[in-house]
All heavy atoms as atom14 arrays in JSON, in Angstrom:
{
  "sequence": "THKYIPEPYHPFIQTGAIANFMFAIAVVTGFALLIWYNPSVHEAYDTV",
  "atom14_mask": [
    [1, 1, 1, 1, 1, 1, 1, 0, 0, 0, 0, 0, 0, 0],
    [1, 1, 1, 1, 1, 1, 1, 1, 1, 1, 0, 0, 0, 0],
    [1, 1, 1, 1, 1, 1, 1, 1, 1, 0, 0, 0, 0, 0],
    [1, 1, 1, 1, 1, 1, 1, 1, 1, 1, 1, 1, 0, 0],
    [1, 1, 1, 1, 1, 1, 1, 1, 0, 0, 0, 0, 0, 0],
    [1, 1, 1, 1, 1, 1, 1, 0, 0, 0, 0, 0, 0, 0],
    [1, 1, 1, 1, 1, 1, 1, 1, 1, 0, 0, 0, 0, 0],
    [1, 1, 1, 1, 1, 1, 1, 0, 0, 0, 0, 0, 0, 0],
    [1, 1, 1, 1, 1, 1, 1, 1, 1, 1, 1, 1, 0, 0],
    [1, 1, 1, 1, 1, 1, 1, 1, 1, 1, 0, 0, 0, 0],
    [1, 1, 1, 1, 1, 1, 1, 0, 0, 0, 0, 0, 0, 0],
    [1, 1, 1, 1, 1, 1, 1, 1, 1, 1, 1, 0, 0, 0],
    [1, 1, 1, 1, 1, 1, 1, 1, 0, 0, 0, 0, 0, 0],
    [1, 1, 1, 1, 1, 1, 1, 1, 1, 0, 0, 0, 0, 0],
    [1, 1, 1, 1, 1, 1, 1, 0, 0, 0, 0, 0, 0, 0],
    [1, 1, 1, 1, 0, 0, 0, 0, 0, 0, 0, 0, 0, 0],
    [1, 1, 1, 1, 1, 0, 0, 0, 0, 0, 0, 0, 0, 0],
    [1, 1, 1, 1, 1, 1, 1, 1, 0, 0, 0, 0, 0, 0],
    [1, 1, 1, 1, 1, 0, 0, 0, 0, 0, 0, 0, 0, 0],
    [1, 1, 1, 1, 1, 1, 1, 1, 0, 0, 0, 0, 0, 0],
    [1, 1, 1, 1, 1, 1, 1, 1, 1, 1, 1, 0, 0, 0],
    [1, 1, 1, 1, 1, 1, 1, 1, 0, 0, 0, 0, 0, 0],
    [1, 1, 1, 1, 1, 1, 1, 1, 1, 1, 1, 0, 0, 0],
    [1, 1, 1, 1, 1, 0, 0, 0, 0, 0, 0, 0, 0, 0],
    [1, 1, 1, 1, 1, 1, 1, 1, 0, 0, 0, 0, 0, 0],
    [1, 1, 1, 1, 1, 0, 0, 0, 0, 0, 0, 0, 0, 0],
    [1, 1, 1, 1, 1, 1, 1, 0, 0, 0, 0, 0, 0, 0],
    [1, 1, 1, 1, 1, 1, 1, 0, 0, 0, 0, 0, 0, 0],
    [1, 1, 1, 1, 1, 1, 1, 0, 0, 0, 0, 0, 0, 0],
    [1, 1, 1, 1, 0, 0, 0, 0, 0, 0, 0, 0, 0, 0],
    [1, 1, 1, 1, 1, 1, 1, 1, 1, 1, 1, 0, 0, 0],
    [1, 1, 1, 1, 1, 0, 0, 0, 0, 0, 0, 0, 0, 0],
    [1, 1, 1, 1, 1, 1, 1, 1, 0, 0, 0, 0, 0, 0],
    [1, 1, 1, 1, 1, 1, 1, 1, 0, 0, 0, 0, 0, 0],
    [1, 1, 1, 1, 1, 1, 1, 1, 0, 0, 0, 0, 0, 0],
    [1, 1, 1, 1, 1, 1, 1, 1, 1, 1, 1, 1, 1, 1],
    [1, 1, 1, 1, 1, 1, 1, 1, 1, 1, 1, 1, 0, 0],
    [1, 1, 1, 1, 1, 1, 1, 1, 0, 0, 0, 0, 0, 0],
    [1, 1, 1, 1, 1, 1, 1, 0, 0, 0, 0, 0, 0, 0],
    [1, 1, 1, 1, 1, 1, 0, 0, 0, 0, 0, 0, 0, 0],
    [1, 1, 1, 1, 1, 1, 1, 0, 0, 0, 0, 0, 0, 0],
    [1, 1, 1, 1, 1, 1, 1, 1, 1, 1, 0, 0, 0, 0],
    [1, 1, 1, 1, 1, 1, 1, 1, 1, 0, 0, 0, 0, 0],
    [1, 1, 1, 1, 1, 0, 0, 0, 0, 0, 0, 0, 0, 0],
    [1, 1, 1, 1, 1, 1, 1, 1, 1, 1, 1, 1, 0, 0],
    [1, 1, 1, 1, 1, 1, 1, 1, 0, 0, 0, 0, 0, 0],
    [1, 1, 1, 1, 1, 1, 1, 0, 0, 0, 0, 0, 0, 0],
    [1, 1, 1, 1, 1, 1, 1, 0, 0, 0, 0, 0, 0, 0]
  ],
  "atom14_positions": [
    [[86.48, 122.05, 89.4], [86.01, 120.69, 89.12], [84.53, 120.55, 89.43], [83.78, 119.92, 88.68], [86.82, 119.67, 89.95], [88.22, 119.9, 89.74], [86.49, 118.26, 89.55], [0.0, 0.0, 0.0], [0.0, 0.0, 0.0], [0.0, 0.0, 0.0], [0.0, 0.0, 0.0], [0.0, 0.0, 0.0], [0.0, 0.0, 0.0], [0.0, 0.0, 0.0]],
    [[84.09, 121.17, 90.52], [82.69, 121.09, 90.93], [81.77, 121.76, 89.9], [80.6, 121.4, 89.79], [82.52, 121.75, 92.3], [81.21, 121.46, 92.94], [80.86, 120.21, 93.42], [80.13, 122.25, 93.2], [79.66, 120.24, 93.93], [79.19, 121.47, 93.82], [0.0, 0.0, 0.0], [0.0, 0.0, 0.0], [0.0, 0.0, 0.0], [0.0, 0.0, 0.0]],
    [[82.33, 122.71, 89.17], [81.53, 123.42, 88.17], [81.14, 122.5, 87.01], [80.09, 122.67, 86.39], [82.35, 124.61, 87.64], [81.56, 125.56, 86.74], [82.47, 126.66, 86.2], [83.08, 127.47, 87.31], [83.91, 128.59, 86.79], [0.0, 0.0, 0.0], [0.0, 0.0, 0.0], [0.0, 0.0, 0.0], [0.0, 0.0, 0.0], [0.0, 0.0, 0.0]],
    [[81.98, 121.5, 86.73], [81.75, 120.65, 85.56], [81.46, 119.19, 85.91], [80.84, 118.48, 85.11], [82.97, 120.68, 84.63], [83.28, 122.06, 84.1], [84.31, 122.81, 84.64], [82.54, 122.62, 83.06], [84.6, 124.08, 84.16], [82.82, 123.88, 82.58], [83.85, 124.61, 83.13], [84.13, 125.87, 82.65], [0.0, 0.0, 0.0], [0.0, 0.0, 0.0]],
    [[81.92, 118.76, 87.07], [81.78, 117.35, 87.44], [80.78, 117.22, 88.58], [80.92, 117.91, 89.59], [83.14, 116.75, 87.87], [84.18, 116.95, 86.76], [83.0, 115.28, 88.21], [83.85, 116.25, 85.46], [0.0, 0.0, 0.0], [0.0, 0.0, 0.0], [0.0, 0.0, 0.0], [0.0, 0.0, 0.0], [0.0, 0.0, 0.0], [0.0, 0.0, 0.0]],
    [[79.78, 116.36, 88.47], [78.83, 116.17, 89.58], [79.56, 115.73, 90.84], [80.58, 115.03, 90.79], [77.9, 115.06, 89.05], [78.03, 115.13, 87.56], [79.43, 115.56, 87.28], [0.0, 0.0, 0.0], [0.0, 0.0, 0.0], [0.0, 0.0, 0.0], [0.0, 0.0, 0.0], [0.0, 0.0, 0.0], [0.0, 0.0, 0.0], [0.0, 0.0, 0.0]],
    [[79.03, 116.11, 91.98], [79.7, 115.85, 93.26], [80.0, 114.38, 93.5], [81.08, 114.05, 94.02], [78.86, 116.42, 94.4], [79.55, 116.36, 95.75], [78.84, 117.17, 96.81], [78.36, 118.27, 96.5], [78.75, 116.68, 97.95], [0.0, 0.0, 0.0], [0.0, 0.0, 0.0], [0.0, 0.0, 0.0], [0.0, 0.0, 0.0], [0.0, 0.0, 0.0]],
    [[79.11, 113.43, 93.13], [79.44, 112.01, 93.37], [80.66, 111.52, 92.6], [81.22, 110.48, 92.94], [78.18, 111.27, 92.92], [77.08, 112.29, 93.0], [77.73, 113.59, 92.64], [0.0, 0.0, 0.0], [0.0, 0.0, 0.0], [0.0, 0.0, 0.0], [0.0, 0.0, 0.0], [0.0, 0.0, 0.0], [0.0, 0.0, 0.0], [0.0, 0.0, 0.0]],
    [[81.09, 112.28, 91.56], [82.24, 111.88, 90.76], [83.41, 112.85, 90.91], [84.37, 112.78, 90.15], [81.84, 111.79, 89.28], [80.67, 110.88, 89.02], [79.37, 111.38, 88.92], [80.84, 109.5, 88.91], [78.29, 110.55, 88.7], [79.77, 108.65, 88.69], [78.49, 109.18, 88.58], [77.44, 108.35, 88.36], [0.0, 0.0, 0.0], [0.0, 0.0, 0.0]],
    [[83.31, 113.73, 91.88], [84.36, 114.73, 92.1], [85.55, 114.06, 92.78], [85.46, 113.63, 93.93], [83.8, 115.84, 93.0], [84.63, 117.08, 93.05], [86.01, 117.06, 93.2], [84.3, 118.4, 92.96], [86.47, 118.28, 93.21], [85.46, 119.11, 93.08], [0.0, 0.0, 0.0], [0.0, 0.0, 0.0], [0.0, 0.0, 0.0], [0.0, 0.0, 0.0]],
    [[86.71, 113.96, 92.1], [87.83, 113.19, 92.68], [88.55, 113.91, 93.81], [89.14, 113.26, 94.67], [88.77, 112.98, 91.48], [88.5, 114.15, 90.59], [87.03, 114.46, 90.75], [0.0, 0.0, 0.0], [0.0, 0.0, 0.0], [0.0, 0.0, 0.0], [0.0, 0.0, 0.0], [0.0, 0.0, 0.0], [0.0, 0.0, 0.0], [0.0, 0.0, 0.0]],
    [[88.51, 115.25, 93.84], [89.36, 115.99, 94.78], [88.69, 116.24, 96.13], [89.34, 116.74, 97.04], [89.78, 117.31, 94.15], [90.5, 117.14, 92.84], [90.0, 117.73, 91.68], [91.64, 116.37, 92.75], [90.64, 117.55, 90.47], [92.28, 116.18, 91.55], [91.78, 116.78, 90.4], [0.0, 0.0, 0.0], [0.0, 0.0, 0.0], [0.0, 0.0, 0.0]],
    [[87.41, 115.9, 96.26], [86.76, 116.06, 97.56], [86.53, 114.71, 98.23], [85.93, 114.64, 99.29], [85.42, 116.83, 97.44], [84.42, 116.05, 96.6], [85.65, 118.22, 96.88], [83.04, 116.69, 96.55], [0.0, 0.0, 0.0], [0.0, 0.0, 0.0], [0.0, 0.0, 0.0], [0.0, 0.0, 0.0], [0.0, 0.0, 0.0], [0.0, 0.0, 0.0]],
    [[87.0, 113.64, 97.6], [86.89, 112.31, 98.2], [88.18, 111.52, 97.98], [88.16, 110.34, 97.62], [85.68, 111.55, 97.65], [85.47, 111.64, 96.17], [84.16, 110.98, 95.74], [83.64, 110.06, 96.37], [83.61, 111.45, 94.64], [0.0, 0.0, 0.0], [0.0, 0.0, 0.0], [0.0, 0.0, 0.0], [0.0, 0.0, 0.0], [0.0, 0.0, 0.0]],
    [[89.29, 112.21, 98.2], [90.59, 111.59, 97.99], [90.82, 110.42, 98.95], [91.45, 109.42, 98.58], [91.71, 112.63, 98.17], [91.51, 113.33, 99.41], [91.7, 113.63, 97.03], [0.0, 0.0, 0.0], [0.0, 0.0, 0.0], [0.0, 0.0, 0.0], [0.0, 0.0, 0.0], [0.0, 0.0, 0.0], [0.0, 0.0, 0.0], [0.0, 0.0, 0.0]],
    [[90.34, 110.55, 100.19], [90.5, 109.45, 101.14], [89.75, 108.21, 100.7], [90.28, 107.09, 100.77], [0.0, 0.0, 0.0], [0.0, 0.0, 0.0], [0.0, 0.0, 0.0], [0.0, 0.0, 0.0], [0.0, 0.0, 0.0], [0.0, 0.0, 0.0], [0.0, 0.0, 0.0], [0.0, 0.0, 0.0], [0.0, 0.0, 0.0], [0.0, 0.0, 0.0]],
    [[88.52, 108.39, 100.23], [87.72, 107.25, 99.78], [88.35, 106.6, 98.54], [88.36, 105.37, 98.4], [86.29, 107.7, 99.48], [0.0, 0.0, 0.0], [0.0, 0.0, 0.0], [0.0, 0.0, 0.0], [0.0, 0.0, 0.0], [0.0, 0.0, 0.0], [0.0, 0.0, 0.0], [0.0, 0.0, 0.0], [0.0, 0.0, 0.0], [0.0, 0.0, 0.0]],
    [[88.88, 107.43, 97.63], [89.54, 106.88, 96.44], [90.77, 106.09, 96.85], [91.03, 105.0, 96.31], [89.91, 108.01, 95.46], [88.64, 108.68, 94.92], [90.74, 107.48, 94.3], [88.91, 109.88, 94.03], [0.0, 0.0, 0.0], [0.0, 0.0, 0.0], [0.0, 0.0, 0.0], [0.0, 0.0, 0.0], [0.0, 0.0, 0.0], [0.0, 0.0, 0.0]],
    [[91.55, 106.62, 97.79], [92.75, 105.91, 98.25], [92.37, 104.55, 98.84], [93.05, 103.54, 98.58], [93.49, 106.76, 99.27], [0.0, 0.0, 0.0], [0.0, 0.0, 0.0], [0.0, 0.0, 0.0], [0.0, 0.0, 0.0], [0.0, 0.0, 0.0], [0.0, 0.0, 0.0], [0.0, 0.0, 0.0], [0.0, 0.0, 0.0], [0.0, 0.0, 0.0]],
    [[91.31, 104.5, 99.62], [90.87, 103.22, 100.2], [90.44, 102.24, 99.12], [90.71, 101.03, 99.21], [89.72, 103.45, 101.18], [90.18, 104.12, 102.46], [91.35, 104.09, 102.8], [89.25, 104.74, 103.16], [0.0, 0.0, 0.0], [0.0, 0.0, 0.0], [0.0, 0.0, 0.0], [0.0, 0.0, 0.0], [0.0, 0.0, 0.0], [0.0, 0.0, 0.0]],
    [[89.78, 102.75, 98.09], [89.36, 101.88, 96.99], [90.58, 101.34, 96.25], [90.62, 100.16, 95.87], [88.43, 102.64, 96.04], [87.95, 101.82, 94.87], [87.12, 100.73, 95.08], [88.32, 102.14, 93.58], [86.67, 99.96, 94.02], [87.88, 101.39, 92.51], [87.05, 100.29, 92.72], [0.0, 0.0, 0.0], [0.0, 0.0, 0.0], [0.0, 0.0, 0.0]],
    [[91.59, 102.19, 96.05], [92.82, 101.73, 95.4], [93.52, 100.67, 96.25], [94.08, 99.69, 95.72], [93.75, 102.92, 95.17], [93.22, 103.92, 94.16], [93.01, 103.18, 92.53], [91.8, 104.28, 91.8], [0.0, 0.0, 0.0], [0.0, 0.0, 0.0], [0.0, 0.0, 0.0], [0.0, 0.0, 0.0], [0.0, 0.0, 0.0], [0.0, 0.0, 0.0]],
    [[93.49, 100.85, 97.55], [94.07, 99.86, 98.45], [93.35, 98.52, 98.3], [93.98, 97.45, 98.27], [93.99, 100.36, 99.89], [94.31, 99.33, 100.93], [95.61, 98.9, 101.12], [93.3, 98.78, 101.71], [95.91, 97.94, 102.08], [93.59, 97.82, 102.66], [94.89, 97.4, 102.85], [0.0, 0.0, 0.0], [0.0, 0.0, 0.0], [0.0, 0.0, 0.0]],
    [[92.02, 98.57, 98.21], [91.24, 97.34, 98.06], [91.61, 96.63, 96.76], [91.75, 95.39, 96.72], [89.75, 97.65, 98.1], [0.0, 0.0, 0.0], [0.0, 0.0, 0.0], [0.0, 0.0, 0.0], [0.0, 0.0, 0.0], [0.0, 0.0, 0.0], [0.0, 0.0, 0.0], [0.0, 0.0, 0.0], [0.0, 0.0, 0.0], [0.0, 0.0, 0.0]],
    [[91.78, 97.39, 95.68], [92.17, 96.79, 94.4], [93.54, 96.15, 94.52], [93.79, 95.04, 94.02], [92.16, 97.85, 93.28], [90.74, 98.35, 93.03], [92.76, 97.28, 91.99], [90.66, 99.46, 92.01], [0.0, 0.0, 0.0], [0.0, 0.0, 0.0], [0.0, 0.0, 0.0], [0.0, 0.0, 0.0], [0.0, 0.0, 0.0], [0.0, 0.0, 0.0]],
    [[94.47, 96.84, 95.19], [95.83, 96.3, 95.34], [95.81, 95.0, 96.13], [96.55, 94.05, 95.81], [96.72, 97.33, 96.02], [0.0, 0.0, 0.0], [0.0, 0.0, 0.0], [0.0, 0.0, 0.0], [0.0, 0.0, 0.0], [0.0, 0.0, 0.0], [0.0, 0.0, 0.0], [0.0, 0.0, 0.0], [0.0, 0.0, 0.0], [0.0, 0.0, 0.0]],
    [[94.98, 94.91, 97.16], [94.9, 93.69, 97.96], [94.34, 92.54, 97.13], [94.9, 91.43, 97.12], [94.03, 93.93, 99.22], [93.74, 92.6, 99.92], [94.73, 94.87, 100.18], [0.0, 0.0, 0.0], [0.0, 0.0, 0.0], [0.0, 0.0, 0.0], [0.0, 0.0, 0.0], [0.0, 0.0, 0.0], [0.0, 0.0, 0.0], [0.0, 0.0, 0.0]],
    [[93.25, 92.79, 96.41], [92.62, 91.73, 95.62], [93.56, 91.25, 94.52], [93.75, 90.04, 94.32], [91.29, 92.24, 95.03], [90.72, 91.21, 94.05], [90.28, 92.52, 96.13], [0.0, 0.0, 0.0], [0.0, 0.0, 0.0], [0.0, 0.0, 0.0], [0.0, 0.0, 0.0], [0.0, 0.0, 0.0], [0.0, 0.0, 0.0], [0.0, 0.0, 0.0]],
    [[94.16, 92.18, 93.79], [95.07, 91.79, 92.71], [96.33, 91.12, 93.27], [96.91, 90.25, 92.62], [95.46, 93.0, 91.86], [95.98, 94.04, 92.72], [94.26, 93.55, 91.11], [0.0, 0.0, 0.0], [0.0, 0.0, 0.0], [0.0, 0.0, 0.0], [0.0, 0.0, 0.0], [0.0, 0.0, 0.0], [0.0, 0.0, 0.0], [0.0, 0.0, 0.0]],
    [[96.76, 91.53, 94.47], [97.92, 90.89, 95.07], [97.67, 89.41, 95.34], [98.53, 88.56, 95.06], [0.0, 0.0, 0.0], [0.0, 0.0, 0.0], [0.0, 0.0, 0.0], [0.0, 0.0, 0.0], [0.0, 0.0, 0.0], [0.0, 0.0, 0.0], [0.0, 0.0, 0.0], [0.0, 0.0, 0.0], [0.0, 0.0, 0.0], [0.0, 0.0, 0.0]],
    [[96.49, 89.09, 95.88], [96.16, 87.69, 96.09], [96.03, 86.94, 94.75], [96.44, 85.78, 94.64], [94.87, 87.56, 96.89], [95.07, 87.7, 98.37], [94.69, 88.85, 99.03], [95.64, 86.68, 99.11], [94.88, 88.99, 100.4], [95.84, 86.8, 100.47], [95.46, 87.96, 101.13], [0.0, 0.0, 0.0], [0.0, 0.0, 0.0], [0.0, 0.0, 0.0]],
    [[95.47, 87.61, 93.75], [95.32, 86.97, 92.44], [96.67, 86.64, 91.82], [96.82, 85.62, 91.11], [94.51, 87.87, 91.52], [0.0, 0.0, 0.0], [0.0, 0.0, 0.0], [0.0, 0.0, 0.0], [0.0, 0.0, 0.0], [0.0, 0.0, 0.0], [0.0, 0.0, 0.0], [0.0, 0.0, 0.0], [0.0, 0.0, 0.0], [0.0, 0.0, 0.0]],
    [[97.69, 87.46, 92.07], [99.02, 87.22, 91.49], [99.66, 85.94, 92.01], [100.59, 85.41, 91.38], [99.93, 88.41, 91.78], [99.7, 89.66, 90.94], [100.57, 90.81, 91.42], [99.97, 89.38, 89.46], [0.0, 0.0, 0.0], [0.0, 0.0, 0.0], [0.0, 0.0, 0.0], [0.0, 0.0, 0.0], [0.0, 0.0, 0.0], [0.0, 0.0, 0.0]],
    [[99.2, 85.44, 93.15], [99.76, 84.21, 93.69], [99.5, 83.01, 92.79], [100.14, 81.96, 92.93], [99.19, 83.93, 95.08], [99.55, 84.96, 96.16], [98.88, 84.6, 97.48], [101.05, 85.04, 96.34], [0.0, 0.0, 0.0], [0.0, 0.0, 0.0], [0.0, 0.0, 0.0], [0.0, 0.0, 0.0], [0.0, 0.0, 0.0], [0.0, 0.0, 0.0]],
    [[98.58, 83.16, 91.84], [98.33, 82.09, 90.87], [99.57, 81.85, 90.03], [99.9, 80.7, 89.67], [97.13, 82.44, 89.97], [95.86, 82.59, 90.83], [96.93, 81.39, 88.88], [94.67, 83.1, 90.04], [0.0, 0.0, 0.0], [0.0, 0.0, 0.0], [0.0, 0.0, 0.0], [0.0, 0.0, 0.0], [0.0, 0.0, 0.0], [0.0, 0.0, 0.0]],
    [[100.32, 82.91, 89.73], [101.48, 82.79, 88.86], [102.82, 83.0, 89.58], [103.85, 82.55, 89.1], [101.39, 83.83, 87.72], [100.18, 83.67, 86.87], [100.0, 82.8, 85.83], [98.95, 84.39, 86.99], [98.75, 82.93, 85.29], [98.08, 83.91, 85.98], [98.49, 85.39, 87.84], [96.79, 84.4, 85.82], [97.2, 85.88, 87.67], [96.37, 85.38, 86.68]],
    [[102.79, 83.67, 90.72], [104.05, 84.04, 91.38], [104.55, 82.94, 92.3], [103.77, 82.31, 93.02], [103.84, 85.32, 92.19], [105.07, 85.8, 92.92], [106.14, 86.38, 92.23], [105.18, 85.65, 94.3], [107.27, 86.81, 92.9], [106.3, 86.08, 94.98], [107.34, 86.66, 94.28], [108.47, 87.08, 94.95], [0.0, 0.0, 0.0], [0.0, 0.0, 0.0]],
    [[105.86, 82.71, 92.29], [106.5, 81.75, 93.17], [107.44, 82.5, 94.12], [108.43, 83.07, 93.68], [107.3, 80.72, 92.36], [107.83, 79.58, 93.22], [107.98, 79.73, 94.43], [108.11, 78.45, 92.59], [0.0, 0.0, 0.0], [0.0, 0.0, 0.0], [0.0, 0.0, 0.0], [0.0, 0.0, 0.0], [0.0, 0.0, 0.0], [0.0, 0.0, 0.0]],
    [[107.15, 82.52, 95.42], [107.96, 83.3, 96.36], [109.27, 82.62, 96.74], [109.56, 82.38, 97.9], [107.03, 83.44, 97.57], [106.21, 82.2, 97.54], [105.99, 81.89, 96.09], [0.0, 0.0, 0.0], [0.0, 0.0, 0.0], [0.0, 0.0, 0.0], [0.0, 0.0, 0.0], [0.0, 0.0, 0.0], [0.0, 0.0, 0.0], [0.0, 0.0, 0.0]],
    [[110.06, 82.31, 95.74], [111.38, 81.72, 95.96], [112.41, 82.65, 95.34], [112.22, 83.16, 94.23], [111.47, 80.34, 95.32], [112.81, 79.92, 95.23], [0.0, 0.0, 0.0], [0.0, 0.0, 0.0], [0.0, 0.0, 0.0], [0.0, 0.0, 0.0], [0.0, 0.0, 0.0], [0.0, 0.0, 0.0], [0.0, 0.0, 0.0], [0.0, 0.0, 0.0]],
    [[113.5, 82.87, 96.05], [114.52, 83.78, 95.54], [115.1, 83.29, 94.22], [115.58, 84.08, 93.41], [115.63, 83.96, 96.6], [116.4, 82.66, 96.81], [116.59, 85.08, 96.2], [0.0, 0.0, 0.0], [0.0, 0.0, 0.0], [0.0, 0.0, 0.0], [0.0, 0.0, 0.0], [0.0, 0.0, 0.0], [0.0, 0.0, 0.0], [0.0, 0.0, 0.0]],
    [[115.02, 82.0, 93.98], [115.58, 81.43, 92.76], [114.59, 81.45, 91.59], [115.01, 81.34, 90.43], [116.04, 80.0, 93.01], [117.02, 79.88, 94.14], [118.29, 80.42, 94.08], [116.9, 79.29, 95.37], [118.92, 80.17, 95.23], [118.1, 79.5, 96.02], [0.0, 0.0, 0.0], [0.0, 0.0, 0.0], [0.0, 0.0, 0.0], [0.0, 0.0, 0.0]],
    [[113.29, 81.58, 91.88], [112.29, 81.52, 90.81], [111.41, 82.77, 90.72], [110.62, 82.89, 89.78], [111.39, 80.29, 91.02], [112.15, 78.98, 90.98], [111.21, 77.78, 91.13], [110.01, 77.96, 90.86], [111.68, 76.71, 91.51], [0.0, 0.0, 0.0], [0.0, 0.0, 0.0], [0.0, 0.0, 0.0], [0.0, 0.0, 0.0], [0.0, 0.0, 0.0]],
    [[111.53, 83.68, 91.68], [110.66, 84.84, 91.71], [110.77, 85.66, 90.42], [109.76, 86.01, 89.8], [110.98, 85.7, 92.93], [0.0, 0.0, 0.0], [0.0, 0.0, 0.0], [0.0, 0.0, 0.0], [0.0, 0.0, 0.0], [0.0, 0.0, 0.0], [0.0, 0.0, 0.0], [0.0, 0.0, 0.0], [0.0, 0.0, 0.0], [0.0, 0.0, 0.0]],
    [[111.99, 85.97, 90.02], [112.18, 86.82, 88.83], [111.59, 86.16, 87.59], [110.9, 86.82, 86.79], [113.66, 87.11, 88.62], [113.92, 87.99, 87.42], [113.79, 89.37, 87.52], [114.26, 87.44, 86.19], [114.01, 90.19, 86.42], [114.49, 88.25, 85.08], [114.36, 89.61, 85.2], [114.57, 90.42, 84.11], [0.0, 0.0, 0.0], [0.0, 0.0, 0.0]],
    [[111.85, 84.88, 87.41], [111.36, 84.2, 86.21], [109.84, 84.17, 86.17], [109.23, 84.34, 85.1], [111.9, 82.77, 86.17], [113.41, 82.74, 85.95], [113.93, 83.67, 85.29], [114.07, 81.8, 86.44], [0.0, 0.0, 0.0], [0.0, 0.0, 0.0], [0.0, 0.0, 0.0], [0.0, 0.0, 0.0], [0.0, 0.0, 0.0], [0.0, 0.0, 0.0]],
    [[109.18, 83.97, 87.33], [107.72, 83.92, 87.31], [107.12, 85.29, 87.02], [106.08, 85.39, 86.36], [107.19, 83.4, 88.66], [107.71, 84.21, 89.72], [107.62, 81.97, 88.89], [0.0, 0.0, 0.0], [0.0, 0.0, 0.0], [0.0, 0.0, 0.0], [0.0, 0.0, 0.0], [0.0, 0.0, 0.0], [0.0, 0.0, 0.0], [0.0, 0.0, 0.0]],
    [[107.78, 86.37, 87.5], [107.27, 87.71, 87.2], [107.5, 88.05, 85.74], [106.61, 88.59, 85.06], [107.94, 88.75, 88.12], [107.53, 90.17, 87.7], [107.58, 88.52, 89.56], [0.0, 0.0, 0.0], [0.0, 0.0, 0.0], [0.0, 0.0, 0.0], [0.0, 0.0, 0.0], [0.0, 0.0, 0.0], [0.0, 0.0, 0.0], [0.0, 0.0, 0.0]]
  ]
}
């Protein structure tokens, strides 16, 4: 990968940093989903 991909874009030598970035996306999108999601056992499925 290093032979073809510049080091700043090398995915396999910064797996921890990529995982943290994915976690950040999951947190942000999780809060955004509250716009449409209703945390009620009777309405959760329908809202999803």
